[in-house]
Amino acid sequence: MSKYPDLDLDGAHVAITGAGQGIGRASAERMAALGARVSIGDLDLEAAKRTAADIGGTAHHLDVADQASFAAFLGDAEQANGPLAVLVNNAGIMPNGGFLDLSDALNRATMEVNVFGVVHGMRLALPGMLERGRGHIVNVASLAGKFPVPGLAIYNASKFAVVGLTAATRLECAPHGVSVSAVLPSAVDTALASGLDMRPIPKVKPGRIADAVVDSVRTRAAEIAVPGYVGALATLAAVTPEPALNAFRRLVRDDRALRPDSPERDGYRARLHQDTQREENA
């Protein structure tokens, strides 16, 4: 199919994961401003309720790593807001540190949230979209899905997986009128990257990523990098000889993610640990 069916956001049902704050909240705000009926899913139900109250959407508890929780979220969301037109898979976590230093529990949690959270959402949303012959899925991946960074190995692995998953399912779904896109932010100024010195990669505001999410619905582009020039650099890096690339890495000290030292990062790590322990004890 050379052209996807038109998808007007005014009156359309858009479900967004991890929408209690950050990119998810900003995306919910943009969608609601365009007239969409927005379902807000988040592990933090109180945060979801605050977003819903501010934009006029519906709030739902959601653990993306739990397929049953995701199914309940989409079921309740469609009952409240009608057939799903757009799913934004945004929820994610970003542990950092040496590959051998991260716990097995945190490694599993990263894959369960960042990869299987996306898999669950797509497998649950796609049947209805394919039956209707229209719909769009936006997977918020990362430029870390194109460019490896020391200190982010497990996060890199999870985002490389999402980029590949998006590309393959896009090819499968396109003949049936359904589009699948990836938005690839660089470092984002949210809790996810709090306390990390990612220079020279620029930190962008959640609103810029939310604009890209909306653009993906309008254009159905396969990938949108934010900012665009960093995406071009990642593409260039893929064909740069390793000695030259390693010299550049040393110049910009891209191993900073191995050694973050700030109260902000400590706070984020503590929250990740609490969430991981809660999952293990569930």
C-alpha atoms as a PDB file:
ATOM      1  CA  MET A   1       0.000   0.000   0.000  1.00  0.00           C
ATOM      2  CA  SER A   2       1.540   3.289  -1.122  1.00  0.00           C
ATOM      3  CA  LYS A   3      -0.732   5.472   0.986  1.00  0.00           C
ATOM      4  CA  TYR A   4      -2.208   4.760   4.398  1.00  0.00           C
ATOM      5  CA  PRO A   5      -5.843   5.678   5.112  1.00  0.00           C
ATOM      6  CA  ASP A   6      -6.232   9.175   6.528  1.00  0.00           C
ATOM      7  CA  LEU A   7      -6.243   9.332  10.311  1.00  0.00           C
ATOM      8  CA  ASP A   8      -7.831  12.459  11.765  1.00  0.00           C
ATOM      9  CA  LEU A   9      -6.869  12.942  15.413  1.00  0.00           C
ATOM     10  CA  ASP A  10      -9.984  15.023  16.101  1.00  0.00           C
ATOM     11  CA  GLY A  11     -12.275  12.559  17.861  1.00  0.00           C
ATOM     12  CA  ALA A  12      -9.842   9.654  17.503  1.00  0.00           C
ATOM     13  CA  HIS A  13      -9.000   7.408  20.445  1.00  0.00           C
ATOM     14  CA  VAL A  14      -5.314   7.600  21.393  1.00  0.00           C
ATOM     15  CA  ALA A  15      -3.862   5.410  24.168  1.00  0.00           C
ATOM     16  CA  ILE A  16      -0.496   6.372  25.650  1.00  0.00           C
ATOM     17  CA  THR A  17       1.639   4.359  28.059  1.00  0.00           C
ATOM     18  CA  GLY A  18       3.766   6.026  30.716  1.00  0.00           C
ATOM     19  CA  ALA A  19       1.655   9.151  30.301  1.00  0.00           C
ATOM     20  CA  GLY A  20       1.731  10.329  33.905  1.00  0.00           C
ATOM     21  CA  GLN A  21       4.778  12.495  33.274  1.00  0.00           C
ATOM     22  CA  GLY A  22       7.547  13.344  30.823  1.00  0.00           C
ATOM     23  CA  ILE A  23       7.186  12.469  27.142  1.00  0.00           C
ATOM     24  CA  GLY A  24       3.960  10.555  27.734  1.00  0.00           C
ATOM     25  CA  ARG A  25       2.258  13.457  29.471  1.00  0.00           C
ATOM     26  CA  ALA A  26       3.461  15.936  26.844  1.00  0.00           C
ATOM     27  CA  SER A  27       2.152  13.627  24.108  1.00  0.00           C
ATOM     28  CA  ALA A  28      -1.205  13.356  25.873  1.00  0.00           C
ATOM     29  CA  GLU A  29      -1.418  17.140  26.054  1.00  0.00           C
ATOM     30  CA  ARG A  30      -0.667  17.499  22.333  1.00  0.00           C
ATOM     31  CA  MET A  31      -3.188  14.829  21.342  1.00  0.00           C
ATOM     32  CA  ALA A  32      -5.942  16.274  23.520  1.00  0.00           C
ATOM     33  CA  ALA A  33      -5.319  19.750  22.100  1.00  0.00           C
ATOM     34  CA  LEU A  34      -5.978  18.282  18.639  1.00  0.00           C
ATOM     35  CA  GLY A  35      -9.307  16.858  19.773  1.00  0.00           C
ATOM     36  CA  ALA A  36      -8.300  13.267  20.490  1.00  0.00           C
ATOM     37  CA  ARG A  37      -9.927  11.170  23.191  1.00  0.00           C
ATOM     38  CA  VAL A  38      -6.903  10.202  25.259  1.00  0.00           C
ATOM     39  CA  SER A  39      -6.467   7.152  27.493  1.00  0.00           C
ATOM     40  CA  ILE A  40      -3.605   7.630  29.941  1.00  0.00           C
ATOM     41  CA  GLY A  41      -1.887   4.519  31.255  1.00  0.00           C
ATOM     42  CA  ASP A  42       0.789   4.629  33.945  1.00  0.00           C
ATOM     43  CA  LEU A  43       2.227   2.499  36.725  1.00  0.00           C
ATOM     44  CA  ASP A  44       1.682   5.554  38.946  1.00  0.00           C
ATOM     45  CA  LEU A  45      -2.107   5.857  38.903  1.00  0.00           C
ATOM     46  CA  GLU A  46      -2.081   9.156  40.788  1.00  0.00           C
ATOM     47  CA  ALA A  47       0.177  10.692  38.133  1.00  0.00           C
ATOM     48  CA  ALA A  48      -2.148   9.352  35.437  1.00  0.00           C
ATOM     49  CA  LYS A  49      -5.123  10.911  37.213  1.00  0.00           C
ATOM     50  CA  ARG A  50      -3.376  14.282  37.358  1.00  0.00           C
ATOM     51  CA  THR A  51      -2.687  14.194  33.644  1.00  0.00           C
ATOM     52  CA  ALA A  52      -6.247  13.108  32.909  1.00  0.00           C
ATOM     53  CA  ALA A  53      -7.676  15.893  35.050  1.00  0.00           C
ATOM     54  CA  ASP A  54      -5.556  18.469  33.261  1.00  0.00           C
ATOM     55  CA  ILE A  55      -6.376  17.392  29.700  1.00  0.00           C
ATOM     56  CA  GLY A  56      -9.791  15.772  30.033  1.00  0.00           C
ATOM     57  CA  GLY A  57      -8.671  12.187  29.354  1.00  0.00           C
ATOM     58  CA  THR A  58      -9.253   8.944  31.232  1.00  0.00           C
ATOM     59  CA  ALA A  59      -6.711   7.540  33.704  1.00  0.00           C
ATOM     60  CA  HIS A  60      -5.831   3.866  34.032  1.00  0.00           C
ATOM     61  CA  HIS A  61      -3.339   1.856  36.063  1.00  0.00           C
ATOM     62  CA  LEU A  62      -0.935   0.062  33.737  1.00  0.00           C
ATOM     63  CA  ASP A  63       2.066  -2.190  34.210  1.00  0.00           C
ATOM     64  CA  VAL A  64       3.318  -2.630  30.644  1.00  0.00           C
ATOM     65  CA  ALA A  65       5.464  -5.614  31.660  1.00  0.00           C
ATOM     66  CA  ASP A  66       2.294  -7.513  32.620  1.00  0.00           C
ATOM     67  CA  GLN A  67       0.312  -8.604  29.566  1.00  0.00           C
ATOM     68  CA  ALA A  68      -2.877  -9.015  31.597  1.00  0.00           C
ATOM     69  CA  SER A  69      -2.525  -5.470  32.930  1.00  0.00           C
ATOM     70  CA  PHE A  70      -2.020  -4.178  29.384  1.00  0.00           C
ATOM     71  CA  ALA A  71      -5.067  -6.083  28.150  1.00  0.00           C
ATOM     72  CA  ALA A  72      -7.184  -4.628  30.960  1.00  0.00           C
ATOM     73  CA  PHE A  73      -5.897  -1.137  30.153  1.00  0.00           C
ATOM     74  CA  LEU A  74      -6.825  -1.321  26.479  1.00  0.00           C
ATOM     75  CA  GLY A  75     -10.145  -3.002  27.244  1.00  0.00           C
ATOM     76  CA  ASP A  76     -11.161  -0.306  29.720  1.00  0.00           C
ATOM     77  CA  ALA A  77      -9.801   2.406  27.431  1.00  0.00           C
ATOM     78  CA  GLU A  78     -11.843   1.235  24.439  1.00  0.00           C
ATOM     79  CA  GLN A  79     -14.945   0.924  26.576  1.00  0.00           C
ATOM     80  CA  ALA A  80     -14.490   4.555  27.646  1.00  0.00           C
ATOM     81  CA  ASN A  81     -13.201   6.102  24.426  1.00  0.00           C
ATOM     82  CA  GLY A  82     -14.120   3.844  21.520  1.00  0.00           C
ATOM     83  CA  PRO A  83     -12.055   1.788  19.069  1.00  0.00           C
ATOM     84  CA  LEU A  84      -8.347   2.435  19.311  1.00  0.00           C
ATOM     85  CA  ALA A  85      -6.892   4.540  16.491  1.00  0.00           C
ATOM     86  CA  VAL A  86      -3.393   5.226  17.855  1.00  0.00           C
ATOM     87  CA  LEU A  87      -1.245   3.473  20.448  1.00  0.00           C
ATOM     88  CA  VAL A  88       1.828   5.285  21.758  1.00  0.00           C
ATOM     89  CA  ASN A  89       4.213   2.840  23.445  1.00  0.00           C
ATOM     90  CA  ASN A  90       6.172   5.283  25.564  1.00  0.00           C
ATOM     91  CA  ALA A  91       6.780   3.685  28.972  1.00  0.00           C
ATOM     92  CA  GLY A  92      10.399   2.797  29.651  1.00  0.00           C
ATOM     93  CA  ILE A  93      13.249   2.681  32.153  1.00  0.00           C
ATOM     94  CA  MET A  94      16.942   3.499  31.757  1.00  0.00           C
ATOM     95  CA  PRO A  95      19.417   1.864  34.136  1.00  0.00           C
ATOM     96  CA  ASN A  96      23.056   2.807  33.722  1.00  0.00           C
ATOM     97  CA  GLY A  97      26.402   1.464  34.865  1.00  0.00           C
ATOM     98  CA  GLY A  98      28.911  -1.155  33.804  1.00  0.00           C
ATOM     99  CA  PHE A  99      27.435  -4.232  32.134  1.00  0.00           C
ATOM    100  CA  LEU A 100      28.696  -6.546  34.895  1.00  0.00           C
ATOM    101  CA  ASP A 101      27.598  -4.176  37.647  1.00  0.00           C
ATOM    102  CA  LEU A 102      23.849  -4.231  36.995  1.00  0.00           C
ATOM    103  CA  SER A 103      21.755  -6.811  38.824  1.00  0.00           C
ATOM    104  CA  ASP A 104      20.008  -9.647  37.023  1.00  0.00           C
ATOM    105  CA  ALA A 105      16.707  -8.329  38.352  1.00  0.00           C
ATOM    106  CA  LEU A 106      17.296  -4.895  36.851  1.00  0.00           C
ATOM    107  CA  ASN A 107      18.406  -6.390  33.534  1.00  0.00           C
ATOM    108  CA  ARG A 108      15.220  -8.461  33.364  1.00  0.00           C
ATOM    109  CA  ALA A 109      13.075  -5.492  34.331  1.00  0.00           C
ATOM    110  CA  THR A 110      14.620  -3.393  31.572  1.00  0.00           C
ATOM    111  CA  MET A 111      13.785  -5.991  28.944  1.00  0.00           C
ATOM    112  CA  GLU A 112      10.318  -6.619  30.364  1.00  0.00           C
ATOM    113  CA  VAL A 113       9.397  -2.926  30.353  1.00  0.00           C
ATOM    114  CA  ASN A 114      11.279  -1.605  27.330  1.00  0.00           C
ATOM    115  CA  VAL A 115      10.877  -4.589  24.998  1.00  0.00           C
ATOM    116  CA  PHE A 116       8.019  -6.783  26.139  1.00  0.00           C
ATOM    117  CA  GLY A 117       6.004  -3.739  27.180  1.00  0.00           C
ATOM    118  CA  VAL A 118       6.058  -2.754  23.503  1.00  0.00           C
ATOM    119  CA  VAL A 119       5.440  -6.324  22.334  1.00  0.00           C
ATOM    120  CA  HIS A 120       2.408  -6.683  24.617  1.00  0.00           C
ATOM    121  CA  GLY A 121       0.899  -3.406  23.442  1.00  0.00           C
ATOM    122  CA  MET A 122       1.373  -4.192  19.771  1.00  0.00           C
ATOM    123  CA  ARG A 123       0.023  -7.740  19.993  1.00  0.00           C
ATOM    124  CA  LEU A 124      -3.063  -6.484  21.810  1.00  0.00           C
ATOM    125  CA  ALA A 125      -3.730  -3.414  19.657  1.00  0.00           C
ATOM    126  CA  LEU A 126      -2.918  -4.702  16.177  1.00  0.00           C
ATOM    127  CA  PRO A 127      -5.729  -7.270  15.694  1.00  0.00           C
ATOM    128  CA  GLY A 128      -8.442  -4.613  15.968  1.00  0.00           C
ATOM    129  CA  MET A 129      -6.524  -2.139  13.814  1.00  0.00           C
ATOM    130  CA  LEU A 130      -5.895  -4.744  11.113  1.00  0.00           C
ATOM    131  CA  GLU A 131      -9.551  -5.794  11.148  1.00  0.00           C
ATOM    132  CA  ARG A 132     -10.604  -2.157  10.652  1.00  0.00           C
ATOM    133  CA  GLY A 133      -7.930  -1.563   8.021  1.00  0.00           C
ATOM    134  CA  ARG A 134      -6.552   1.525   9.713  1.00  0.00           C
ATOM    135  CA  GLY A 135      -4.542   2.584  12.755  1.00  0.00           C
ATOM    136  CA  HIS A 136      -1.116   3.693  13.850  1.00  0.00           C
ATOM    137  CA  ILE A 137       1.371   2.564  16.481  1.00  0.00           C
ATOM    138  CA  VAL A 138       4.165   4.839  17.678  1.00  0.00           C
ATOM    139  CA  ASN A 139       7.016   3.178  19.537  1.00  0.00           C
ATOM    140  CA  VAL A 140       9.105   5.681  21.472  1.00  0.00           C
ATOM    141  CA  ALA A 141      12.507   4.066  21.099  1.00  0.00           C
ATOM    142  CA  SER A 142      15.751   6.037  21.367  1.00  0.00           C
ATOM    143  CA  LEU A 143      18.822   6.986  19.400  1.00  0.00           C
ATOM    144  CA  ALA A 144      20.393   4.488  21.808  1.00  0.00           C
ATOM    145  CA  GLY A 145      18.698   1.981  19.512  1.00  0.00           C
ATOM    146  CA  LYS A 146      21.088   3.070  16.763  1.00  0.00           C
ATOM    147  CA  PHE A 147      24.237   4.090  18.619  1.00  0.00           C
ATOM    148  CA  PRO A 148      25.842   2.098  21.473  1.00  0.00           C
ATOM    149  CA  VAL A 149      27.017   3.962  24.564  1.00  0.00           C
ATOM    150  CA  PRO A 150      29.286   2.452  27.257  1.00  0.00           C
ATOM    151  CA  GLY A 151      27.415   2.362  30.534  1.00  0.00           C
ATOM    152  CA  LEU A 152      24.058   1.850  28.816  1.00  0.00           C
ATOM    153  CA  ALA A 153      24.547  -1.664  27.411  1.00  0.00           C
ATOM    154  CA  ILE A 154      21.263  -3.176  28.599  1.00  0.00           C
ATOM    155  CA  TYR A 155      19.328  -0.034  27.705  1.00  0.00           C
ATOM    156  CA  ASN A 156      21.019  -0.074  24.281  1.00  0.00           C
ATOM    157  CA  ALA A 157      20.010  -3.707  23.811  1.00  0.00           C
ATOM    158  CA  SER A 158      16.388  -2.967  24.670  1.00  0.00           C
ATOM    159  CA  LYS A 159      16.156  -0.022  22.291  1.00  0.00           C
ATOM    160  CA  PHE A 160      17.940  -1.800  19.436  1.00  0.00           C
ATOM    161  CA  ALA A 161      15.248  -4.468  19.870  1.00  0.00           C
ATOM    162  CA  VAL A 162      12.435  -1.919  19.636  1.00  0.00           C
ATOM    163  CA  VAL A 163      13.912  -0.330  16.508  1.00  0.00           C
ATOM    164  CA  GLY A 164      14.144  -3.734  14.811  1.00  0.00           C
ATOM    165  CA  LEU A 165      10.688  -4.797  15.981  1.00  0.00           C
ATOM    166  CA  THR A 166       9.189  -1.579  14.639  1.00  0.00           C
ATOM    167  CA  ALA A 167      10.847  -1.924  11.234  1.00  0.00           C
ATOM    168  CA  ALA A 168       9.779  -5.544  10.760  1.00  0.00           C
ATOM    169  CA  THR A 169       6.169  -5.119  11.909  1.00  0.00           C
ATOM    170  CA  ARG A 170       5.857  -1.988   9.762  1.00  0.00           C
ATOM    171  CA  LEU A 171       6.532  -4.157   6.708  1.00  0.00           C
ATOM    172  CA  GLU A 172       3.996  -6.752   7.857  1.00  0.00           C
ATOM    173  CA  CYS A 173       1.222  -4.259   8.608  1.00  0.00           C
ATOM    174  CA  ALA A 174       1.582  -1.767   5.750  1.00  0.00           C
ATOM    175  CA  PRO A 175      -0.354  -3.839   3.178  1.00  0.00           C
ATOM    176  CA  HIS A 176      -3.332  -3.803   5.549  1.00  0.00           C
ATOM    177  CA  GLY A 177      -3.509  -0.027   6.072  1.00  0.00           C
ATOM    178  CA  VAL A 178      -1.865   0.023   9.506  1.00  0.00           C
ATOM    179  CA  SER A 179       1.352   1.947  10.112  1.00  0.00           C
ATOM    180  CA  VAL A 180       4.055   1.384  12.723  1.00  0.00           C
ATOM    181  CA  SER A 181       6.637   4.089  13.428  1.00  0.00           C
ATOM    182  CA  ALA A 182       9.527   4.727  15.787  1.00  0.00           C
ATOM    183  CA  VAL A 183      10.402   8.033  17.411  1.00  0.00           C
ATOM    184  CA  LEU A 184      14.078   8.200  18.350  1.00  0.00           C
ATOM    185  CA  PRO A 185      14.905  10.853  20.946  1.00  0.00           C
ATOM    186  CA  SER A 186      18.422  11.700  21.984  1.00  0.00           C
ATOM    187  CA  ALA A 187      18.819  12.360  25.718  1.00  0.00           C
ATOM    188  CA  VAL A 188      15.593  13.819  27.103  1.00  0.00           C
ATOM    189  CA  ASP A 189      15.257  16.254  29.978  1.00  0.00           C
ATOM    190  CA  THR A 190      13.121  13.950  32.149  1.00  0.00           C
ATOM    191  CA  ALA A 191      13.586  11.737  35.214  1.00  0.00           C
ATOM    192  CA  LEU A 192      14.794   8.954  32.897  1.00  0.00           C
ATOM    193  CA  ALA A 193      18.077  10.769  32.226  1.00  0.00           C
ATOM    194  CA  SER A 194      18.302  12.660  35.505  1.00  0.00           C
ATOM    195  CA  GLY A 195      21.852  13.061  36.772  1.00  0.00           C
ATOM    196  CA  LEU A 196      23.445  11.726  33.574  1.00  0.00           C
ATOM    197  CA  ASP A 197      26.048  13.833  31.789  1.00  0.00           C
ATOM    198  CA  MET A 198      25.342  12.955  28.161  1.00  0.00           C
ATOM    199  CA  ARG A 199      27.465  15.628  26.490  1.00  0.00           C
ATOM    200  CA  PRO A 200      27.873  16.214  23.585  1.00  0.00           C
ATOM    201  CA  ILE A 201      24.436  14.663  23.012  1.00  0.00           C
ATOM    202  CA  PRO A 202      21.889  17.448  23.561  1.00  0.00           C
ATOM    203  CA  LYS A 203      19.101  17.016  26.095  1.00  0.00           C
ATOM    204  CA  VAL A 204      15.767  17.936  24.546  1.00  0.00           C
ATOM    205  CA  LYS A 205      12.513  18.853  26.259  1.00  0.00           C
ATOM    206  CA  PRO A 206       9.633  16.345  26.356  1.00  0.00           C
ATOM    207  CA  GLY A 207       7.511  18.688  24.262  1.00  0.00           C
ATOM    208  CA  ARG A 208       9.827  18.278  21.275  1.00  0.00           C
ATOM    209  CA  ILE A 209       9.454  14.518  21.451  1.00  0.00           C
ATOM    210  CA  ALA A 210       5.683  14.882  21.783  1.00  0.00           C
ATOM    211  CA  ASP A 211       5.660  16.989  18.617  1.00  0.00           C
ATOM    212  CA  ALA A 212       7.489  14.154  16.845  1.00  0.00           C
ATOM    213  CA  VAL A 213       4.907  11.656  18.123  1.00  0.00           C
ATOM    214  CA  VAL A 214       2.128  13.768  16.599  1.00  0.00           C
ATOM    215  CA  ASP A 215       4.131  14.181  13.384  1.00  0.00           C
ATOM    216  CA  SER A 216       4.480  10.402  13.106  1.00  0.00           C
ATOM    217  CA  VAL A 217       0.685  10.083  13.099  1.00  0.00           C
ATOM    218  CA  ARG A 218       0.378  12.730  10.409  1.00  0.00           C
ATOM    219  CA  THR A 219       3.232  11.592   8.161  1.00  0.00           C
ATOM    220  CA  ARG A 220       3.424   7.853   8.961  1.00  0.00           C
ATOM    221  CA  ALA A 221       7.210   8.183   8.646  1.00  0.00           C
ATOM    222  CA  ALA A 222       9.123   5.023   9.502  1.00  0.00           C
ATOM    223  CA  GLU A 223      11.446   6.813  11.942  1.00  0.00           C
ATOM    224  CA  ILE A 224      11.720  10.325  13.335  1.00  0.00           C
ATOM    225  CA  ALA A 225      14.906  11.262  15.188  1.00  0.00           C
ATOM    226  CA  VAL A 226      14.892  14.189  17.618  1.00  0.00           C
ATOM    227  CA  PRO A 227      16.872  16.285  16.967  1.00  0.00           C
ATOM    228  CA  GLY A 228      17.142  15.230  13.346  1.00  0.00           C
ATOM    229  CA  TYR A 229      20.840  15.950  12.955  1.00  0.00           C
ATOM    230  CA  VAL A 230      21.734  13.528  15.763  1.00  0.00           C
ATOM    231  CA  GLY A 231      19.904  10.819  13.865  1.00  0.00           C
ATOM    232  CA  ALA A 232      22.019  11.626  10.821  1.00  0.00           C
ATOM    233  CA  LEU A 233      25.162  11.381  12.952  1.00  0.00           C
ATOM    234  CA  ALA A 234      24.097   7.956  14.226  1.00  0.00           C
ATOM    235  CA  THR A 235      23.644   6.802  10.635  1.00  0.00           C
ATOM    236  CA  LEU A 236      27.080   8.155   9.750  1.00  0.00           C
ATOM    237  CA  ALA A 237      28.628   6.416  12.756  1.00  0.00           C
ATOM    238  CA  ALA A 238      27.325   3.076  11.490  1.00  0.00           C
ATOM    239  CA  VAL A 239      29.583   3.315   8.431  1.00  0.00           C
ATOM    240  CA  THR A 240      32.566   5.023  10.077  1.00  0.00           C
ATOM    241  CA  PRO A 241      35.690   2.842  10.489  1.00  0.00           C
ATOM    242  CA  GLU A 242      36.084   1.717  14.095  1.00  0.00           C
ATOM    243  CA  PRO A 243      39.472   3.406  14.740  1.00  0.00           C
ATOM    244  CA  ALA A 244      38.091   6.790  13.670  1.00  0.00           C
ATOM    245  CA  LEU A 245      34.897   6.266  15.643  1.00  0.00           C
ATOM    246  CA  ASN A 246      36.811   5.257  18.772  1.00  0.00           C
ATOM    247  CA  ALA A 247      38.995   8.351  18.483  1.00  0.00           C
ATOM    248  CA  PHE A 248      35.855  10.468  18.360  1.00  0.00           C
ATOM    249  CA  ARG A 249      34.414   8.642  21.368  1.00  0.00           C
ATOM    250  CA  ARG A 250      37.555   9.372  23.398  1.00  0.00           C
ATOM    251  CA  LEU A 251      37.447  13.001  22.329  1.00  0.00           C
ATOM    252  CA  VAL A 252      33.887  13.500  23.556  1.00  0.00           C
ATOM    253  CA  ARG A 253      34.308  11.169  26.578  1.00  0.00           C
ATOM    254  CA  ASP A 254      31.247   9.104  25.788  1.00  0.00           C
ATOM    255  CA  ASP A 255      31.903   6.845  28.799  1.00  0.00           C
ATOM    256  CA  ARG A 256      30.385   9.388  31.207  1.00  0.00           C
ATOM    257  CA  ALA A 257      27.303   7.194  31.597  1.00  0.00           C
ATOM    258  CA  LEU A 258      29.524   4.692  33.427  1.00  0.00           C
ATOM    259  CA  ARG A 259      30.247   7.119  36.225  1.00  0.00           C
ATOM    260  CA  PRO A 260      27.292   9.390  37.007  1.00  0.00           C
ATOM    261  CA  ASP A 261      27.638  10.991  40.400  1.00  0.00           C
ATOM    262  CA  SER A 262      24.684  13.079  41.468  1.00  0.00           C
ATOM    263  CA  PRO A 263      21.822  12.997  43.969  1.00  0.00           C
ATOM    264  CA  GLU A 264      19.382  13.098  41.046  1.00  0.00           C
ATOM    265  CA  ARG A 265      20.706   9.867  39.566  1.00  0.00           C
ATOM    266  CA  ASP A 266      20.825   8.229  42.979  1.00  0.00           C
ATOM    267  CA  GLY A 267      17.154   9.094  43.410  1.00  0.00           C
ATOM    268  CA  TYR A 268      16.224   7.574  40.058  1.00  0.00           C
ATOM    269  CA  ARG A 269      18.187   4.412  40.851  1.00  0.00           C
ATOM    270  CA  ALA A 270      16.407   4.103  44.192  1.00  0.00           C
ATOM    271  CA  ARG A 271      13.010   4.308  42.471  1.00  0.00           C
ATOM    272  CA  LEU A 272      14.067   1.679  39.937  1.00  0.00           C
ATOM    273  CA  HIS A 273      15.218  -0.604  42.759  1.00  0.00           C
ATOM    274  CA  GLN A 274      11.913  -0.195  44.588  1.00  0.00           C
ATOM    275  CA  ASP A 275       9.914  -0.967  41.447  1.00  0.00           C
ATOM    276  CA  THR A 276      12.088  -4.004  40.700  1.00  0.00           C
ATOM    277  CA  GLN A 277      11.680  -5.346  44.235  1.00  0.00           C
ATOM    278  CA  ARG A 278       7.936  -4.823  44.041  1.00  0.00           C
ATOM    279  CA  GLU A 279       7.785  -6.835  40.804  1.00  0.00           C
ATOM    280  CA  GLU A 280       9.848  -9.684  42.316  1.00  0.00           C
ATOM    281  CA  ASN A 281       7.589  -9.836  45.369  1.00  0.00           C
ATOM    282  CA  ALA A 282       4.342  -9.657  43.418  1.00  0.00           C
END
